[in-house]
Amino acid sequence: MNIAISSDHGGNVLRKEITSLLDELGHTFQDFGPPTNDSVDYPDYAQPVSEGVAAGNFDRGILICGTGIGMSIAANKVKGIRCALVHDVFSAKATRGHNDSNVIAMGERVIGGGLAREIVKTWLEGEFEGGRHERRIFKLTELENK
């Protein structure tokens, strides 16, 4: 799987933990930074990941900031993105199975590295269940196109 990943300054440590996991799992990825811990604006780092996933250049995207909230809001402004804010394994599984999420956001100040690794692994391994959920995804797409 080809994955885009980014954070703001509040998610740098967790981003490095997750890129290590992606290496371990054998996924290819592009890390969009930031390269330092200097304060940056999360929309600037959510945008290339979200646009890359929406364009089909990446299979999935992972965004990290202090809480995950800002990144998830920014990502969901990009047409074609279904970004879920996830801080537990059950939600990671559910958002793939039911929402066909293509981006997740997490908060470094909310969860630790061990849990984040389990969330990402579960989410990457998850598959969209289709069925009744397809109708709901179609309705989301209709809302997006209004």
Protein backbone atom coordinates (compact mmCIF):
# COMPACT_ATOMS: atom_id res chain seq x y z
CA MET A 1 0.00 0.00 0.00
CA ASN A 2 1.22 3.53 -0.79
CA ILE A 3 0.54 5.94 2.08
CA ALA A 4 0.87 9.70 2.52
CA ILE A 5 1.66 10.91 6.03
CA SER A 6 2.09 14.31 7.62
CA SER A 7 1.76 16.17 10.89
CA ASP A 8 2.13 19.60 12.30
CA HIS A 9 4.67 20.42 15.02
CA GLY A 10 2.35 18.88 17.63
CA GLY A 11 2.48 15.49 15.94
CA ASN A 12 6.13 15.10 14.95
CA VAL A 13 7.03 12.47 17.54
CA LEU A 14 4.02 10.28 16.77
CA ARG A 15 4.55 10.70 13.01
CA LYS A 16 8.05 9.25 13.37
CA GLU A 17 6.62 6.33 15.35
CA ILE A 18 4.07 5.65 12.61
CA THR A 19 6.58 5.91 9.75
CA SER A 20 8.64 3.30 11.59
CA LEU A 21 5.56 1.06 11.71
CA LEU A 22 4.91 1.59 8.00
CA ASP A 23 8.49 0.46 7.30
CA GLU A 24 8.01 -2.61 9.50
CA LEU A 25 4.79 -3.51 7.68
CA GLY A 26 6.43 -3.11 4.27
CA HIS A 27 4.30 -0.21 3.05
CA THR A 28 5.66 2.54 0.85
CA PHE A 29 4.99 6.05 2.04
CA GLN A 30 5.75 9.68 1.48
CA ASP A 31 6.36 11.81 4.55
CA PHE A 32 5.23 15.39 3.96
CA GLY A 33 6.85 16.68 7.16
CA PRO A 34 7.39 19.05 8.79
CA PRO A 35 11.16 18.61 9.10
CA THR A 36 11.49 20.49 12.42
CA ASN A 37 9.54 21.10 15.61
CA ASP A 38 9.00 24.76 14.73
CA SER A 39 5.37 25.88 14.87
CA VAL A 40 3.51 25.36 11.58
CA ASP A 41 -0.10 25.61 10.42
CA TYR A 42 -1.86 22.23 10.20
CA PRO A 43 -3.88 23.04 7.02
CA ASP A 44 -0.60 23.41 5.12
CA TYR A 45 0.34 19.85 6.04
CA ALA A 46 -3.10 18.27 5.71
CA GLN A 47 -3.49 19.60 2.18
CA PRO A 48 -0.80 17.65 0.28
CA VAL A 49 -1.80 14.38 1.96
CA SER A 50 -5.50 14.89 1.29
CA GLU A 51 -5.05 16.10 -2.27
CA GLY A 52 -2.67 13.22 -2.98
CA VAL A 53 -5.16 10.64 -1.71
CA ALA A 54 -8.08 12.30 -3.52
CA ALA A 55 -6.09 12.33 -6.79
CA GLY A 56 -5.29 8.62 -6.44
CA ASN A 57 -1.56 9.14 -5.95
CA PHE A 58 -1.79 7.41 -2.56
CA ASP A 59 -4.03 4.63 -1.30
CA ARG A 60 -4.49 6.16 2.15
CA GLY A 61 -3.39 9.10 4.27
CA ILE A 62 -2.41 9.56 7.91
CA LEU A 63 -2.47 12.96 9.63
CA ILE A 64 -1.30 13.83 13.12
CA CYS A 65 -1.50 17.00 15.19
CA GLY A 66 -1.88 17.70 18.89
CA THR A 67 -5.49 16.53 19.06
CA GLY A 68 -6.16 15.33 15.51
CA ILE A 69 -9.13 17.69 15.30
CA GLY A 70 -7.59 20.42 13.17
CA MET A 71 -6.08 17.92 10.74
CA SER A 72 -9.39 16.05 10.35
CA ILE A 73 -11.31 19.27 9.68
CA ALA A 74 -8.73 20.40 7.12
CA ALA A 75 -8.63 17.01 5.37
CA ASN A 76 -12.40 16.83 5.04
CA LYS A 77 -12.41 20.12 3.12
CA VAL A 78 -10.84 18.26 0.18
CA LYS A 79 -13.37 16.70 -2.18
CA GLY A 80 -13.18 12.92 -2.10
CA ILE A 81 -11.70 12.66 1.37
CA ARG A 82 -13.39 10.79 4.19
CA CYS A 83 -11.12 11.50 7.14
CA ALA A 84 -11.94 10.02 10.52
CA LEU A 85 -10.54 11.23 13.83
CA VAL A 86 -9.51 7.99 15.55
CA HIS A 87 -8.20 7.41 19.07
CA ASP A 88 -9.19 3.77 19.64
CA VAL A 89 -8.90 0.46 17.79
CA PHE A 90 -12.65 -0.16 17.57
CA SER A 91 -13.21 3.15 15.76
CA ALA A 92 -10.29 2.41 13.41
CA LYS A 93 -11.92 -0.86 12.41
CA ALA A 94 -15.39 0.67 12.13
CA THR A 95 -14.35 3.63 10.02
CA ARG A 96 -12.78 1.35 7.40
CA GLY A 97 -15.63 -1.14 7.42
CA HIS A 98 -18.53 1.29 7.53
CA ASN A 99 -17.25 4.68 6.32
CA ASP A 100 -14.63 3.60 3.78
CA SER A 101 -12.33 6.22 5.28
CA ASN A 102 -9.29 6.99 3.17
CA VAL A 103 -7.54 9.24 5.71
CA ILE A 104 -7.26 9.07 9.48
CA ALA A 105 -6.25 11.75 11.93
CA MET A 106 -4.82 11.19 15.40
CA GLY A 107 -3.70 13.39 18.27
CA GLU A 108 -0.23 12.98 19.73
CA ARG A 109 -1.35 14.73 22.92
CA VAL A 110 -4.27 12.31 23.22
CA ILE A 111 -2.76 8.86 22.60
CA GLY A 112 0.62 7.22 22.92
CA GLY A 113 2.78 5.48 20.37
CA GLY A 114 1.76 1.92 21.22
CA LEU A 115 -1.95 2.60 20.81
CA ALA A 116 -1.35 4.67 17.67
CA ARG A 117 0.53 1.75 16.11
CA GLU A 118 -2.39 -0.61 16.84
CA ILE A 119 -4.87 1.90 15.42
CA VAL A 120 -2.90 2.35 12.20
CA LYS A 121 -2.30 -1.38 11.76
CA THR A 122 -6.01 -2.14 12.28
CA TRP A 123 -7.07 0.64 9.92
CA LEU A 124 -4.64 -0.36 7.17
CA GLU A 125 -5.73 -4.00 7.36
CA GLY A 126 -9.43 -3.13 7.38
CA GLU A 127 -11.65 -3.43 4.36
CA PHE A 128 -14.82 -1.61 3.39
CA GLU A 129 -17.79 -3.90 4.02
CA GLY A 130 -19.95 -2.45 1.24
CA GLY A 131 -23.59 -3.55 1.36
CA ARG A 132 -25.83 -1.12 3.25
CA HIS A 133 -22.82 1.13 3.84
CA GLU A 134 -22.44 1.82 0.11
CA ARG A 135 -25.71 3.74 0.13
CA ARG A 136 -24.42 5.95 2.91
CA ILE A 137 -21.12 6.65 1.18
CA PHE A 138 -23.07 7.57 -1.96
CA LYS A 139 -25.10 10.07 0.11
CA LEU A 140 -21.88 11.59 1.46
CA THR A 141 -20.65 12.00 -2.10
CA GLU A 142 -23.93 13.68 -3.06
CA LEU A 143 -23.54 16.14 -0.16
CA GLU A 144 -20.01 16.86 -1.26
CA ASN A 145 -21.13 17.62 -4.81
CA LYS A 146 -23.83 20.15 -3.85
